[in-house]
Amino acid sequence: MLSRPADAECPQLRVWLAADVLVIFRFYSSGEIDFDVDLRELQGQERLDLFCGFLTVIGRRLGKPVLMDAEGGDGSHPVLGFDVESDRVVLLAEPFVP
């Protein structure tokens, strides 16, 4: 997947965590795992718990942090993520209060 021509489309893998919770993995490089999730699909505690469990499984398996950035973010200000040392998902940014 990663040895494609520079102008080729990026391969995607679609995984449903639940019937209506879709995660789309995009393979940009061999050193990172990039994925998107529609936050509208994570409404409610049960869905949030499902997503945090997903981050935890990936983080534990890789032994690395798994960070979630805001839409369009550049990765420099993650808002939520799996922390390897504490072995749990933690809030990494203060909630926005208008």
Protein backbone atom coordinates (compact mmCIF):
# COMPACT_ATOMS: atom_id res chain seq x y z
CA MET A 1 0.00 0.00 0.00
CA LEU A 2 2.80 2.41 0.83
CA SER A 3 4.83 1.78 -2.31
CA ARG A 4 2.35 3.50 -4.61
CA PRO A 5 3.11 6.28 -7.13
CA ALA A 6 3.14 9.79 -5.65
CA ASP A 7 0.01 10.79 -7.57
CA ALA A 8 -2.00 7.67 -6.61
CA GLU A 9 -4.92 7.82 -4.20
CA CYS A 10 -4.20 7.03 -0.57
CA PRO A 11 -5.48 3.54 0.37
CA GLN A 12 -8.22 3.41 2.99
CA LEU A 13 -9.47 0.77 5.37
CA ARG A 14 -12.98 1.20 6.79
CA VAL A 15 -13.72 -0.39 10.17
CA TRP A 16 -17.06 -0.23 11.97
CA LEU A 17 -16.67 -0.19 15.77
CA ALA A 18 -20.45 -0.52 16.00
CA ALA A 19 -23.28 -0.55 13.48
CA ASP A 20 -23.05 3.21 12.97
CA VAL A 21 -19.58 4.13 14.25
CA LEU A 22 -17.13 4.14 11.34
CA VAL A 23 -13.36 4.60 11.59
CA ILE A 24 -11.49 5.26 8.33
CA PHE A 25 -7.79 4.44 8.34
CA ARG A 26 -5.60 6.25 5.80
CA PHE A 27 -2.15 4.95 4.94
CA TYR A 28 -0.01 8.04 4.34
CA SER A 29 3.28 6.66 5.69
CA SER A 30 4.73 3.57 7.31
CA GLY A 31 5.61 5.49 10.50
CA GLU A 32 2.12 6.66 11.43
CA ILE A 33 -1.40 5.31 11.66
CA ASP A 34 -3.90 7.98 10.60
CA PHE A 35 -7.63 7.56 11.01
CA ASP A 36 -10.78 9.63 11.05
CA VAL A 37 -13.96 9.26 13.03
CA ASP A 38 -17.12 11.35 12.74
CA LEU A 39 -17.70 12.88 16.18
CA ARG A 40 -21.44 12.98 15.52
CA GLU A 41 -21.31 9.17 15.72
CA LEU A 42 -19.82 9.34 19.24
CA GLN A 43 -22.74 10.98 21.02
CA GLY A 44 -23.49 9.57 24.47
CA GLN A 45 -21.40 7.83 27.11
CA GLU A 46 -21.72 4.35 25.57
CA ARG A 47 -20.29 5.54 22.24
CA LEU A 48 -17.54 7.52 23.95
CA ASP A 49 -16.59 4.44 25.99
CA LEU A 50 -16.48 2.40 22.77
CA PHE A 51 -14.14 4.91 21.15
CA CYS A 52 -11.88 5.14 24.22
CA GLY A 53 -11.70 1.34 24.25
CA PHE A 54 -10.64 1.45 20.60
CA LEU A 55 -7.85 3.94 21.38
CA THR A 56 -6.77 1.80 24.34
CA VAL A 57 -6.56 -1.42 22.31
CA ILE A 58 -4.41 0.24 19.64
CA GLY A 59 -2.17 1.94 22.22
CA ARG A 60 -1.63 -1.20 24.27
CA ARG A 61 -0.95 -3.32 21.19
CA LEU A 62 1.62 -0.87 19.81
CA GLY A 63 2.96 0.28 23.18
CA LYS A 64 2.63 3.86 21.94
CA PRO A 65 0.40 6.86 22.58
CA VAL A 66 -2.65 7.20 20.34
CA LEU A 67 -3.61 10.84 19.89
CA MET A 68 -6.76 12.46 18.58
CA ASP A 69 -6.44 15.90 17.01
CA ALA A 70 -9.19 18.34 16.09
CA GLU A 71 -10.59 18.33 12.56
CA GLY A 72 -8.02 19.83 10.23
CA GLY A 73 -5.38 19.88 12.96
CA ASP A 74 -1.71 19.37 12.27
CA GLY A 75 -1.10 16.98 15.17
CA SER A 76 0.58 19.55 17.37
CA HIS A 77 -2.38 20.04 19.76
CA PRO A 78 -4.06 16.68 20.49
CA VAL A 79 -7.29 16.88 22.48
CA LEU A 80 -7.67 13.28 23.64
CA GLY A 81 -5.44 10.25 23.65
CA PHE A 82 -4.27 6.98 25.11
CA ASP A 83 -1.38 7.53 27.52
CA VAL A 84 0.96 4.54 27.73
CA GLU A 85 2.33 5.32 31.21
CA SER A 86 -1.08 5.68 32.87
CA ASP A 87 -2.60 2.95 30.62
CA ARG A 88 -5.75 4.95 30.01
CA VAL A 89 -7.32 7.54 27.73
CA VAL A 90 -6.79 11.07 28.99
CA LEU A 91 -8.05 14.53 28.10
CA LEU A 92 -5.13 16.50 26.68
CA ALA A 93 -6.76 19.90 26.12
CA GLU A 94 -9.09 22.05 28.15
CA PRO A 95 -12.73 21.88 26.98
CA PHE A 96 -13.87 24.85 24.87
CA VAL A 97 -16.26 27.15 26.72
CA PRO A 98 -17.83 29.87 24.55
